[in-house]
Amino acid sequence: MEWCRIDQDTANALKEKLPVEEEMQDLAEFIRVFGDPTRLGILFYLREKPLCVHDLSLLTGMQQTAISHQLKVLRQMRLVRYYKEGRMAIYSLNDSHISQILDIGLKHSAEEVRND
């Protein structure tokens, strides 16, 4: 049986196309944030309209402190932003890319498994 192999020049060329280690770490952390169903739910709600912590708490059935913690994680990853209306913070998606990522994820997860 013949094994699939690439030559050293091809291997080096492929390695050169990889992002640097720090970029890979940042991307891995970014993707990890999407691995939590609560955070995903928050993102989907915010995709529809800006909401405050109280509203998100009502929608998710979670304590406001838990929602605030998740929003902090989402803010740190630049997925959401907020503005103040008086003493109330109103959260929204940071930009249209976030909505596109959600759409792509849904589309991918709905695809049937192929074994080509």
PDB file of N, CA and C in Angstrom:
ATOM      1  N   MET A   1       0.847  -1.184   0.000  1.00  0.00           N
ATOM      2  CA  MET A   1       0.000   0.000   0.000  1.00  0.00           C
ATOM      3  C   MET A   1       0.886   1.239   0.000  1.00  0.00           C
ATOM      4  N   GLU A   2       0.572   2.160  -0.860  1.00  0.00           N
ATOM      5  CA  GLU A   2       1.355   3.387  -0.967  1.00  0.00           C
ATOM      6  C   GLU A   2       0.762   4.453  -0.046  1.00  0.00           C
ATOM      7  N   TRP A   3       1.607   5.079   0.728  1.00  0.00           N
ATOM      8  CA  TRP A   3       1.162   6.119   1.662  1.00  0.00           C
ATOM      9  C   TRP A   3       1.140   7.468   0.963  1.00  0.00           C
ATOM     10  N   CYS A   4       0.218   8.285   1.385  1.00  0.00           N
ATOM     11  CA  CYS A   4       0.200   9.664   0.895  1.00  0.00           C
ATOM     12  C   CYS A   4       1.321  10.416   1.576  1.00  0.00           C
ATOM     13  N   ARG A   5       2.130  11.060   0.792  1.00  0.00           N
ATOM     14  CA  ARG A   5       3.245  11.812   1.354  1.00  0.00           C
ATOM     15  C   ARG A   5       3.449  13.084   0.565  1.00  0.00           C
ATOM     16  N   ILE A   6       3.905  14.088   1.274  1.00  0.00           N
ATOM     17  CA  ILE A   6       4.281  15.317   0.599  1.00  0.00           C
ATOM     18  C   ILE A   6       5.787  15.482   0.742  1.00  0.00           C
ATOM     19  N   ASP A   7       6.366  16.159  -0.220  1.00  0.00           N
ATOM     20  CA  ASP A   7       7.808  16.381  -0.140  1.00  0.00           C
ATOM     21  C   ASP A   7       8.100  17.541   0.806  1.00  0.00           C
ATOM     22  N   GLN A   8       9.356  17.713   1.172  1.00  0.00           N
ATOM     23  CA  GLN A   8       9.739  18.724   2.165  1.00  0.00           C
ATOM     24  C   GLN A   8       9.423  20.130   1.693  1.00  0.00           C
ATOM     25  N   ASP A   9       9.609  20.402   0.389  1.00  0.00           N
ATOM     26  CA  ASP A   9       9.305  21.741  -0.129  1.00  0.00           C
ATOM     27  C   ASP A   9       7.817  22.057   0.027  1.00  0.00           C
ATOM     28  N   THR A  10       6.972  21.086  -0.274  1.00  0.00           N
ATOM     29  CA  THR A  10       5.526  21.281  -0.119  1.00  0.00           C
ATOM     30  C   THR A  10       5.169  21.472   1.345  1.00  0.00           C
ATOM     31  N   ALA A  11       5.772  20.681   2.217  1.00  0.00           N
ATOM     32  CA  ALA A  11       5.526  20.811   3.656  1.00  0.00           C
ATOM     33  C   ALA A  11       5.927  22.199   4.144  1.00  0.00           C
ATOM     34  N   ASN A  12       7.081  22.666   3.716  1.00  0.00           N
ATOM     35  CA  ASN A  12       7.534  24.000   4.125  1.00  0.00           C
ATOM     36  C   ASN A  12       6.605  25.089   3.609  1.00  0.00           C
ATOM     37  N   ALA A  13       6.152  24.943   2.368  1.00  0.00           N
ATOM     38  CA  ALA A  13       5.236  25.935   1.797  1.00  0.00           C
ATOM     39  C   ALA A  13       3.917  25.973   2.563  1.00  0.00           C
ATOM     40  N   LEU A  14       3.418  24.803   2.948  1.00  0.00           N
ATOM     41  CA  LEU A  14       2.178  24.750   3.728  1.00  0.00           C
ATOM     42  C   LEU A  14       2.364  25.389   5.100  1.00  0.00           C
ATOM     43  N   LYS A  15       3.487  25.100   5.733  1.00  0.00           N
ATOM     44  CA  LYS A  15       3.761  25.658   7.061  1.00  0.00           C
ATOM     45  C   LYS A  15       3.861  27.178   7.019  1.00  0.00           C
ATOM     46  N   GLU A  16       4.408  27.716   5.936  1.00  0.00           N
ATOM     47  CA  GLU A  16       4.547  29.167   5.807  1.00  0.00           C
ATOM     48  C   GLU A  16       3.192  29.858   5.717  1.00  0.00           C
ATOM     49  N   LYS A  17       2.174  29.149   5.279  1.00  0.00           N
ATOM     50  CA  LYS A  17       0.847  29.742   5.126  1.00  0.00           C
ATOM     51  C   LYS A  17       0.056  29.768   6.431  1.00  0.00           C
ATOM     52  N   LEU A  18       0.528  29.036   7.425  1.00  0.00           N
ATOM     53  CA  LEU A  18      -0.161  29.038   8.718  1.00  0.00           C
ATOM     54  C   LEU A  18      -0.003  30.388   9.394  1.00  0.00           C
ATOM     55  N   PRO A  19      -1.042  30.822  10.115  1.00  0.00           N
ATOM     56  CA  PRO A  19      -0.861  32.034  10.927  1.00  0.00           C
ATOM     57  C   PRO A  19       0.211  31.779  11.986  1.00  0.00           C
ATOM     58  N   VAL A  20       0.806  32.845  12.493  1.00  0.00           N
ATOM     59  CA  VAL A  20       1.804  32.690  13.547  1.00  0.00           C
ATOM     60  C   VAL A  20       1.121  32.159  14.804  1.00  0.00           C
ATOM     61  N   GLU A  21       1.911  31.624  15.733  1.00  0.00           N
ATOM     62  CA  GLU A  21       1.381  30.959  16.924  1.00  0.00           C
ATOM     63  C   GLU A  21       0.411  31.838  17.709  1.00  0.00           C
ATOM     64  N   GLU A  22       0.744  33.095  17.897  1.00  0.00           N
ATOM     65  CA  GLU A  22      -0.130  33.992  18.657  1.00  0.00           C
ATOM     66  C   GLU A  22      -1.485  34.156  17.969  1.00  0.00           C
ATOM     67  N   GLU A  23      -1.478  34.275  16.651  1.00  0.00           N
ATOM     68  CA  GLU A  23      -2.740  34.379  15.902  1.00  0.00           C
ATOM     69  C   GLU A  23      -3.551  33.097  16.028  1.00  0.00           C
ATOM     70  N   MET A  24      -2.880  31.958  16.013  1.00  0.00           N
ATOM     71  CA  MET A  24      -3.580  30.679  16.177  1.00  0.00           C
ATOM     72  C   MET A  24      -4.221  30.594  17.559  1.00  0.00           C
ATOM     73  N   GLN A  25      -3.495  31.030  18.585  1.00  0.00           N
ATOM     74  CA  GLN A  25      -4.035  31.024  19.946  1.00  0.00           C
ATOM     75  C   GLN A  25      -5.249  31.948  20.052  1.00  0.00           C
ATOM     76  N   ASP A  26      -5.142  33.141  19.475  1.00  0.00           N
ATOM     77  CA  ASP A  26      -6.262  34.087  19.502  1.00  0.00           C
ATOM     78  C   ASP A  26      -7.483  33.520  18.786  1.00  0.00           C
ATOM     79  N   LEU A  27      -7.260  32.898  17.641  1.00  0.00           N
ATOM     80  CA  LEU A  27      -8.362  32.311  16.890  1.00  0.00           C
ATOM     81  C   LEU A  27      -8.995  31.154  17.652  1.00  0.00           C
ATOM     82  N   ALA A  28      -8.185  30.324  18.278  1.00  0.00           N
ATOM     83  CA  ALA A  28      -8.708  29.202  19.061  1.00  0.00           C
ATOM     84  C   ALA A  28      -9.584  29.709  20.203  1.00  0.00           C
ATOM     85  N   GLU A  29      -9.152  30.762  20.869  1.00  0.00           N
ATOM     86  CA  GLU A  29      -9.945  31.346  21.950  1.00  0.00           C
ATOM     87  C   GLU A  29     -11.243  31.933  21.412  1.00  0.00           C
ATOM     88  N   PHE A  30     -11.162  32.608  20.283  1.00  0.00           N
ATOM     89  CA  PHE A  30     -12.351  33.184  19.642  1.00  0.00           C
ATOM     90  C   PHE A  30     -13.371  32.095  19.336  1.00  0.00           C
ATOM     91  N   ILE A  31     -12.919  31.003  18.748  1.00  0.00           N
ATOM     92  CA  ILE A  31     -13.821  29.902  18.390  1.00  0.00           C
ATOM     93  C   ILE A  31     -14.381  29.241  19.644  1.00  0.00           C
ATOM     94  N   ARG A  32     -13.581  29.131  20.692  1.00  0.00           N
ATOM     95  CA  ARG A  32     -14.023  28.510  21.938  1.00  0.00           C
ATOM     96  C   ARG A  32     -15.228  29.247  22.527  1.00  0.00           C
ATOM     97  N   VAL A  33     -15.267  30.560  22.376  1.00  0.00           N
ATOM     98  CA  VAL A  33     -16.375  31.352  22.912  1.00  0.00           C
ATOM     99  C   VAL A  33     -17.704  30.906  22.305  1.00  0.00           C
ATOM    100  N   PHE A  34     -17.682  30.465  21.062  1.00  0.00           N
ATOM    101  CA  PHE A  34     -18.896  30.011  20.399  1.00  0.00           C
ATOM    102  C   PHE A  34     -19.324  28.614  20.843  1.00  0.00           C
ATOM    103  N   GLY A  35     -18.519  27.961  21.653  1.00  0.00           N
ATOM    104  CA  GLY A  35     -18.815  26.605  22.106  1.00  0.00           C
ATOM    105  C   GLY A  35     -19.750  26.534  23.296  1.00  0.00           C
ATOM    106  N   ASP A  36     -20.240  27.645  23.778  1.00  0.00           N
ATOM    107  CA  ASP A  36     -21.118  27.668  24.943  1.00  0.00           C
ATOM    108  C   ASP A  36     -22.541  28.018  24.501  1.00  0.00           C
ATOM    109  N   PRO A  37     -23.523  27.135  24.763  1.00  0.00           N
ATOM    110  CA  PRO A  37     -24.907  27.384  24.324  1.00  0.00           C
ATOM    111  C   PRO A  37     -25.505  28.668  24.905  1.00  0.00           C
ATOM    112  N   THR A  38     -25.149  29.017  26.124  1.00  0.00           N
ATOM    113  CA  THR A  38     -25.677  30.257  26.718  1.00  0.00           C
ATOM    114  C   THR A  38     -25.179  31.470  25.952  1.00  0.00           C
ATOM    115  N   ARG A  39     -23.873  31.491  25.666  1.00  0.00           N
ATOM    116  CA  ARG A  39     -23.333  32.618  24.916  1.00  0.00           C
ATOM    117  C   ARG A  39     -23.918  32.668  23.513  1.00  0.00           C
ATOM    118  N   LEU A  40     -24.097  31.514  22.896  1.00  0.00           N
ATOM    119  CA  LEU A  40     -24.715  31.501  21.570  1.00  0.00           C
ATOM    120  C   LEU A  40     -26.126  32.069  21.627  1.00  0.00           C
ATOM    121  N   GLY A  41     -26.888  31.664  22.636  1.00  0.00           N
ATOM    122  CA  GLY A  41     -28.245  32.193  22.776  1.00  0.00           C
ATOM    123  C   GLY A  41     -28.243  33.703  22.918  1.00  0.00           C
ATOM    124  N   ILE A  42     -27.346  34.220  23.732  1.00  0.00           N
ATOM    125  CA  ILE A  42     -27.232  35.666  23.907  1.00  0.00           C
ATOM    126  C   ILE A  42     -26.928  36.334  22.572  1.00  0.00           C
ATOM    127  N   LEU A  43     -25.996  35.765  21.821  1.00  0.00           N
ATOM    128  CA  LEU A  43     -25.648  36.337  20.521  1.00  0.00           C
ATOM    129  C   LEU A  43     -26.840  36.328  19.567  1.00  0.00           C
ATOM    130  N   PHE A  44     -27.605  35.243  19.559  1.00  0.00           N
ATOM    131  CA  PHE A  44     -28.775  35.187  18.687  1.00  0.00           C
ATOM    132  C   PHE A  44     -29.829  36.207  19.108  1.00  0.00           C
ATOM    133  N   TYR A  45     -30.049  36.381  20.412  1.00  0.00           N
ATOM    134  CA  TYR A  45     -30.984  37.414  20.867  1.00  0.00           C
ATOM    135  C   TYR A  45     -30.512  38.800  20.458  1.00  0.00           C
ATOM    136  N   LEU A  46     -29.228  39.067  20.655  1.00  0.00           N
ATOM    137  CA  LEU A  46     -28.694  40.384  20.324  1.00  0.00           C
ATOM    138  C   LEU A  46     -28.653  40.625  18.822  1.00  0.00           C
ATOM    139  N   ARG A  47     -28.651  39.557  18.073  1.00  0.00           N
ATOM    140  CA  ARG A  47     -28.713  39.712  16.622  1.00  0.00           C
ATOM    141  C   ARG A  47     -30.049  40.316  16.208  1.00  0.00           C
ATOM    142  N   GLU A  48     -31.078  40.020  16.981  1.00  0.00           N
ATOM    143  CA  GLU A  48     -32.412  40.522  16.660  1.00  0.00           C
ATOM    144  C   GLU A  48     -32.616  41.971  17.094  1.00  0.00           C
ATOM    145  N   LYS A  49     -32.081  42.310  18.279  1.00  0.00           N
ATOM    146  CA  LYS A  49     -32.221  43.683  18.756  1.00  0.00           C
ATOM    147  C   LYS A  49     -31.327  43.910  19.963  1.00  0.00           C
ATOM    148  N   PRO A  50     -30.932  45.153  20.203  1.00  0.00           N
ATOM    149  CA  PRO A  50     -30.156  45.468  21.399  1.00  0.00           C
ATOM    150  C   PRO A  50     -31.002  45.212  22.651  1.00  0.00           C
ATOM    151  N   LEU A  51     -30.354  44.680  23.687  1.00  0.00           N
ATOM    152  CA  LEU A  51     -31.060  44.322  24.914  1.00  0.00           C
ATOM    153  C   LEU A  51     -30.205  44.642  26.135  1.00  0.00           C
ATOM    154  N   CYS A  52     -30.882  44.842  27.259  1.00  0.00           N
ATOM    155  CA  CYS A  52     -30.174  45.054  28.522  1.00  0.00           C
ATOM    156  C   CYS A  52     -30.041  43.711  29.252  1.00  0.00           C
ATOM    157  N   VAL A  53     -29.267  43.696  30.314  1.00  0.00           N
ATOM    158  CA  VAL A  53     -29.039  42.475  31.091  1.00  0.00           C
ATOM    159  C   VAL A  53     -30.359  41.920  31.621  1.00  0.00           C
ATOM    160  N   HIS A  54     -31.229  42.801  32.094  1.00  0.00           N
ATOM    161  CA  HIS A  54     -32.522  42.357  32.626  1.00  0.00           C
ATOM    162  C   HIS A  54     -33.324  41.612  31.554  1.00  0.00           C
ATOM    163  N   ASP A  55     -33.382  42.173  30.358  1.00  0.00           N
ATOM    164  CA  ASP A  55     -34.117  41.525  29.261  1.00  0.00           C
ATOM    165  C   ASP A  55     -33.507  40.171  28.918  1.00  0.00           C
ATOM    166  N   LEU A  56     -32.183  40.116  28.843  1.00  0.00           N
ATOM    167  CA  LEU A  56     -31.522  38.851  28.539  1.00  0.00           C
ATOM    168  C   LEU A  56     -31.763  37.824  29.645  1.00  0.00           C
ATOM    169  N   SER A  57     -31.835  38.285  30.868  1.00  0.00           N
ATOM    170  CA  SER A  57     -32.129  37.398  31.989  1.00  0.00           C
ATOM    171  C   SER A  57     -33.524  36.797  31.842  1.00  0.00           C
ATOM    172  N   LEU A  58     -34.491  37.632  31.481  1.00  0.00           N
ATOM    173  CA  LEU A  58     -35.858  37.138  31.269  1.00  0.00           C
ATOM    174  C   LEU A  58     -35.919  36.140  30.110  1.00  0.00           C
ATOM    175  N   LEU A  59     -35.226  36.446  29.033  1.00  0.00           N
ATOM    176  CA  LEU A  59     -35.258  35.580  27.855  1.00  0.00           C
ATOM    177  C   LEU A  59     -34.595  34.226  28.104  1.00  0.00           C
ATOM    178  N   THR A  60     -33.515  34.231  28.853  1.00  0.00           N
ATOM    179  CA  THR A  60     -32.756  32.991  29.065  1.00  0.00           C
ATOM    180  C   THR A  60     -33.176  32.231  30.315  1.00  0.00           C
ATOM    181  N   GLY A  61     -33.851  32.917  31.229  1.00  0.00           N
ATOM    182  CA  GLY A  61     -34.212  32.289  32.491  1.00  0.00           C
ATOM    183  C   GLY A  61     -33.034  32.177  33.440  1.00  0.00           C
ATOM    184  N   MET A  62     -31.993  32.938  33.192  1.00  0.00           N
ATOM    185  CA  MET A  62     -30.787  32.894  34.023  1.00  0.00           C
ATOM    186  C   MET A  62     -30.708  34.136  34.904  1.00  0.00           C
ATOM    187  N   GLN A  63     -29.953  34.023  35.987  1.00  0.00           N
ATOM    188  CA  GLN A  63     -29.725  35.156  36.879  1.00  0.00           C
ATOM    189  C   GLN A  63     -28.974  36.262  36.134  1.00  0.00           C
ATOM    190  N   GLN A  64     -29.238  37.501  36.519  1.00  0.00           N
ATOM    191  CA  GLN A  64     -28.569  38.631  35.886  1.00  0.00           C
ATOM    192  C   GLN A  64     -27.053  38.574  36.070  1.00  0.00           C
ATOM    193  N   THR A  65     -26.601  38.059  37.206  1.00  0.00           N
ATOM    194  CA  THR A  65     -25.147  37.958  37.417  1.00  0.00           C
ATOM    195  C   THR A  65     -24.515  36.981  36.432  1.00  0.00           C
ATOM    196  N   ALA A  66     -25.228  35.888  36.140  1.00  0.00           N
ATOM    197  CA  ALA A  66     -24.714  34.911  35.168  1.00  0.00           C
ATOM    198  C   ALA A  66     -24.680  35.523  33.770  1.00  0.00           C
ATOM    199  N   ILE A  67     -25.710  36.274  33.422  1.00  0.00           N
ATOM    200  CA  ILE A  67     -25.754  36.943  32.113  1.00  0.00           C
ATOM    201  C   ILE A  67     -24.624  37.962  32.023  1.00  0.00           C
ATOM    202  N   SER A  68     -24.429  38.731  33.089  1.00  0.00           N
ATOM    203  CA  SER A  68     -23.358  39.730  33.098  1.00  0.00           C
ATOM    204  C   SER A  68     -21.997  39.080  32.895  1.00  0.00           C
ATOM    205  N   HIS A  69     -21.795  37.924  33.522  1.00  0.00           N
ATOM    206  CA  HIS A  69     -20.528  37.204  33.350  1.00  0.00           C
ATOM    207  C   HIS A  69     -20.341  36.802  31.891  1.00  0.00           C
ATOM    208  N   GLN A  70     -21.379  36.255  31.271  1.00  0.00           N
ATOM    209  CA  GLN A  70     -21.271  35.836  29.869  1.00  0.00           C
ATOM    210  C   GLN A  70     -21.050  37.037  28.955  1.00  0.00           C
ATOM    211  N   LEU A  71     -21.717  38.145  29.253  1.00  0.00           N
ATOM    212  CA  LEU A  71     -21.524  39.351  28.448  1.00  0.00           C
ATOM    213  C   LEU A  71     -20.094  39.877  28.579  1.00  0.00           C
ATOM    214  N   LYS A  72     -19.501  39.733  29.745  1.00  0.00           N
ATOM    215  CA  LYS A  72     -18.113  40.151  29.929  1.00  0.00           C
ATOM    216  C   LYS A  72     -17.191  39.339  29.021  1.00  0.00           C
ATOM    217  N   VAL A  73     -17.423  38.032  28.964  1.00  0.00           N
ATOM    218  CA  VAL A  73     -16.630  37.173  28.076  1.00  0.00           C
ATOM    219  C   VAL A  73     -16.820  37.606  26.626  1.00  0.00           C
ATOM    220  N   LEU A  74     -18.054  37.853  26.236  1.00  0.00           N
ATOM    221  CA  LEU A  74     -18.354  38.260  24.859  1.00  0.00           C
ATOM    222  C   LEU A  74     -17.750  39.630  24.541  1.00  0.00           C
ATOM    223  N   ARG A  75     -17.746  40.533  25.518  1.00  0.00           N
ATOM    224  CA  ARG A  75     -17.114  41.845  25.315  1.00  0.00           C
ATOM    225  C   ARG A  75     -15.615  41.705  25.152  1.00  0.00           C
ATOM    226  N   GLN A  76     -14.993  40.857  25.972  1.00  0.00           N
ATOM    227  CA  GLN A  76     -13.542  40.669  25.892  1.00  0.00           C
ATOM    228  C   GLN A  76     -13.120  40.137  24.524  1.00  0.00           C
ATOM    229  N   MET A  77     -13.991  39.346  23.917  1.00  0.00           N
ATOM    230  CA  MET A  77     -13.678  38.806  22.592  1.00  0.00           C
ATOM    231  C   MET A  77     -14.182  39.707  21.466  1.00  0.00           C
ATOM    232  N   ARG A  78     -14.680  40.889  21.843  1.00  0.00           N
ATOM    233  CA  ARG A  78     -15.171  41.897  20.891  1.00  0.00           C
ATOM    234  C   ARG A  78     -16.349  41.402  20.058  1.00  0.00           C
ATOM    235  N   LEU A  79     -17.162  40.538  20.651  1.00  0.00           N
ATOM    236  CA  LEU A  79     -18.350  40.045  19.961  1.00  0.00           C
ATOM    237  C   LEU A  79     -19.563  40.916  20.244  1.00  0.00           C
ATOM    238  N   VAL A  80     -19.589  41.550  21.406  1.00  0.00           N
ATOM    239  CA  VAL A  80     -20.677  42.471  21.740  1.00  0.00           C
ATOM    240  C   VAL A  80     -20.089  43.785  22.233  1.00  0.00           C
ATOM    241  N   ARG A  81     -20.908  44.798  22.192  1.00  0.00           N
ATOM    242  CA  ARG A  81     -20.552  46.105  22.731  1.00  0.00           C
ATOM    243  C   ARG A  81     -21.770  46.632  23.482  1.00  0.00           C
ATOM    244  N   TYR A  82     -21.588  47.702  24.204  1.00  0.00           N
ATOM    245  CA  TYR A  82     -22.723  48.280  24.907  1.00  0.00           C
ATOM    246  C   TYR A  82     -22.621  49.796  24.904  1.00  0.00           C
ATOM    247  N   TYR A  83     -23.772  50.400  25.148  1.00  0.00           N
ATOM    248  CA  TYR A  83     -23.829  51.838  25.360  1.00  0.00           C
ATOM    249  C   TYR A  83     -24.769  52.067  26.531  1.00  0.00           C
ATOM    250  N   LYS A  84     -24.643  53.208  27.151  1.00  0.00           N
ATOM    251  CA  LYS A  84     -25.428  53.521  28.336  1.00  0.00           C
ATOM    252  C   LYS A  84     -26.644  54.362  27.962  1.00  0.00           C
ATOM    253  N   GLU A  85     -27.768  53.996  28.552  1.00  0.00           N
ATOM    254  CA  GLU A  85     -28.970  54.826  28.546  1.00  0.00           C
ATOM    255  C   GLU A  85     -29.277  55.100  30.005  1.00  0.00           C
ATOM    256  N   GLY A  86     -28.841  56.236  30.488  1.00  0.00           N
ATOM    257  CA  GLY A  86     -28.935  56.504  31.917  1.00  0.00           C
ATOM    258  C   GLY A  86     -27.999  55.571  32.653  1.00  0.00           C
ATOM    259  N   ARG A  87     -28.558  54.791  33.579  1.00  0.00           N
ATOM    260  CA  ARG A  87     -27.743  53.830  34.327  1.00  0.00           C
ATOM    261  C   ARG A  87     -27.769  52.440  33.689  1.00  0.00           C
ATOM    262  N   MET A  88     -28.545  52.279  32.642  1.00  0.00           N
ATOM    263  CA  MET A  88     -28.723  50.969  32.022  1.00  0.00           C
ATOM    264  C   MET A  88     -27.758  50.779  30.840  1.00  0.00           C
ATOM    265  N   ALA A  89     -27.141  49.614  30.788  1.00  0.00           N
ATOM    266  CA  ALA A  89     -26.267  49.256  29.661  1.00  0.00           C
ATOM    267  C   ALA A  89     -27.088  48.465  28.657  1.00  0.00           C
ATOM    268  N   ILE A  90     -27.036  48.882  27.413  1.00  0.00           N
ATOM    269  CA  ILE A  90     -27.741  48.207  26.326  1.00  0.00           C
ATOM    270  C   ILE A  90     -26.691  47.519  25.457  1.00  0.00           C
ATOM    271  N   TYR A  91     -26.856  46.224  25.271  1.00  0.00           N
ATOM    272  CA  TYR A  91     -25.886  45.416  24.532  1.00  0.00           C
ATOM    273  C   TYR A  91     -26.363  45.139  23.117  1.00  0.00           C
ATOM    274  N   SER A  92     -25.400  45.051  22.199  1.00  0.00           N
ATOM    275  CA  SER A  92     -25.682  44.687  20.811  1.00  0.00           C
ATOM    276  C   SER A  92     -24.470  43.948  20.257  1.00  0.00           C
ATOM    277  N   LEU A  93     -24.646  43.327  19.091  1.00  0.00           N
ATOM    278  CA  LEU A  93     -23.502  42.692  18.436  1.00  0.00           C
ATOM    279  C   LEU A  93     -22.500  43.768  18.048  1.00  0.00           C
ATOM    280  N   ASN A  94     -21.243  43.426  18.089  1.00  0.00           N
ATOM    281  CA  ASN A  94     -20.196  44.395  17.804  1.00  0.00           C
ATOM    282  C   ASN A  94     -20.181  44.814  16.339  1.00  0.00           C
ATOM    283  N   ASP A  95     -20.429  43.866  15.437  1.00  0.00           N
ATOM    284  CA  ASP A  95     -20.467  44.199  14.013  1.00  0.00           C
ATOM    285  C   ASP A  95     -21.187  43.103  13.242  1.00  0.00           C
ATOM    286  N   SER A  96     -21.366  43.323  11.954  1.00  0.00           N
ATOM    287  CA  SER A  96     -22.132  42.379  11.121  1.00  0.00           C
ATOM    288  C   SER A  96     -21.424  41.042  10.937  1.00  0.00           C
ATOM    289  N   HIS A  97     -20.115  41.008  11.151  1.00  0.00           N
ATOM    290  CA  HIS A  97     -19.395  39.740  11.010  1.00  0.00           C
ATOM    291  C   HIS A  97     -19.922  38.687  11.979  1.00  0.00           C
ATOM    292  N   ILE A  98     -20.322  39.113  13.163  1.00  0.00           N
ATOM    293  CA  ILE A  98     -20.785  38.171  14.176  1.00  0.00           C
ATOM    294  C   ILE A  98     -22.049  37.471  13.686  1.00  0.00           C
ATOM    295  N   SER A  99     -22.960  38.223  13.112  1.00  0.00           N
ATOM    296  CA  SER A  99     -24.181  37.631  12.564  1.00  0.00           C
ATOM    297  C   SER A  99     -23.847  36.665  11.422  1.00  0.00           C
ATOM    298  N   GLN A 100     -22.883  37.021  10.610  1.00  0.00           N
ATOM    299  CA  GLN A 100     -22.465  36.148   9.510  1.00  0.00           C
ATOM    300  C   GLN A 100     -21.868  34.851  10.041  1.00  0.00           C
ATOM    301  N   ILE A 101     -21.084  34.942  11.110  1.00  0.00           N
ATOM    302  CA  ILE A 101     -20.497  33.739  11.718  1.00  0.00           C
ATOM    303  C   ILE A 101     -21.602  32.825  12.225  1.00  0.00           C
ATOM    304  N   LEU A 102     -22.615  33.407  12.858  1.00  0.00           N
ATOM    305  CA  LEU A 102     -23.750  32.607  13.342  1.00  0.00           C
ATOM    306  C   LEU A 102     -24.465  31.921  12.181  1.00  0.00           C
ATOM    307  N   ASP A 103     -24.696  32.660  11.101  1.00  0.00           N
ATOM    308  CA  ASP A 103     -25.362  32.083   9.923  1.00  0.00           C
ATOM    309  C   ASP A 103     -24.550  30.936   9.325  1.00  0.00           C
ATOM    310  N   ILE A 104     -23.252  31.138   9.196  1.00  0.00           N
ATOM    311  CA  ILE A 104     -22.385  30.101   8.629  1.00  0.00           C
ATOM    312  C   ILE A 104     -22.383  28.867   9.526  1.00  0.00           C
ATOM    313  N   GLY A 105     -22.325  29.078  10.835  1.00  0.00           N
ATOM    314  CA  GLY A 105     -22.357  27.956  11.773  1.00  0.00           C
ATOM    315  C   GLY A 105     -23.651  27.173  11.666  1.00  0.00           C
ATOM    316  N   LEU A 106     -24.778  27.866  11.573  1.00  0.00           N
ATOM    317  CA  LEU A 106     -26.067  27.184  11.422  1.00  0.00           C
ATOM    318  C   LEU A 106     -26.120  26.403  10.119  1.00  0.00           C
ATOM    319  N   LYS A 107     -25.666  27.035   9.061  1.00  0.00           N
ATOM    320  CA  LYS A 107     -25.674  26.375   7.749  1.00  0.00           C
ATOM    321  C   LYS A 107     -24.810  25.121   7.783  1.00  0.00           C
ATOM    322  N   HIS A 108     -23.636  25.235   8.362  1.00  0.00           N
ATOM    323  CA  HIS A 108     -22.730  24.088   8.418  1.00  0.00           C
ATOM    324  C   HIS A 108     -23.330  22.958   9.264  1.00  0.00           C
ATOM    325  N   SER A 109     -23.884  23.289  10.418  1.00  0.00           N
ATOM    326  CA  SER A 109     -24.415  22.247  11.298  1.00  0.00           C
ATOM    327  C   SER A 109     -25.646  21.572  10.708  1.00  0.00           C
ATOM    328  N   ALA A 110     -26.329  22.239   9.764  1.00  0.00           N
ATOM    329  CA  ALA A 110     -27.507  21.651   9.129  1.00  0.00           C
ATOM    330  C   ALA A 110     -27.152  20.752   7.947  1.00  0.00           C
ATOM    331  N   GLU A 111     -25.909  20.831   7.471  1.00  0.00           N
ATOM    332  CA  GLU A 111     -25.495  20.005   6.340  1.00  0.00           C
ATOM    333  C   GLU A 111     -25.438  18.536   6.742  1.00  0.00           C
ATOM    334  N   GLU A 112     -25.738  17.696   5.796  1.00  0.00           N
ATOM    335  CA  GLU A 112     -25.614  16.266   6.038  1.00  0.00           C
ATOM    336  C   GLU A 112     -24.145  15.870   5.982  1.00  0.00           C
ATOM    337  N   VAL A 113     -23.801  14.858   6.730  1.00  0.00           N
ATOM    338  CA  VAL A 113     -22.430  14.367   6.732  1.00  0.00           C
ATOM    339  C   VAL A 113     -22.147  13.697   5.405  1.00  0.00           C
ATOM    340  N   ARG A 114     -21.003  14.062   4.814  1.00  0.00           N
ATOM    341  CA  ARG A 114     -20.577  13.439   3.573  1.00  0.00           C
ATOM    342  C   ARG A 114     -19.268  12.731   3.794  1.00  0.00           C
ATOM    343  N   ASN A 115     -19.122  11.583   3.232  1.00  0.00           N
ATOM    344  CA  ASN A 115     -17.860  10.834   3.298  1.00  0.00           C
ATOM    345  C   ASN A 115     -17.333  10.647   1.893  1.00  0.00           C
ATOM    346  N   ASP A 116     -16.919  11.742   1.281  1.00  0.00           N
ATOM    347  CA  ASP A 116     -16.426  11.689  -0.106  1.00  0.00           C
ATOM    348  C   ASP A 116     -15.078  11.034  -0.150  1.00  0.00           C
TER     349      ASP A 116
END
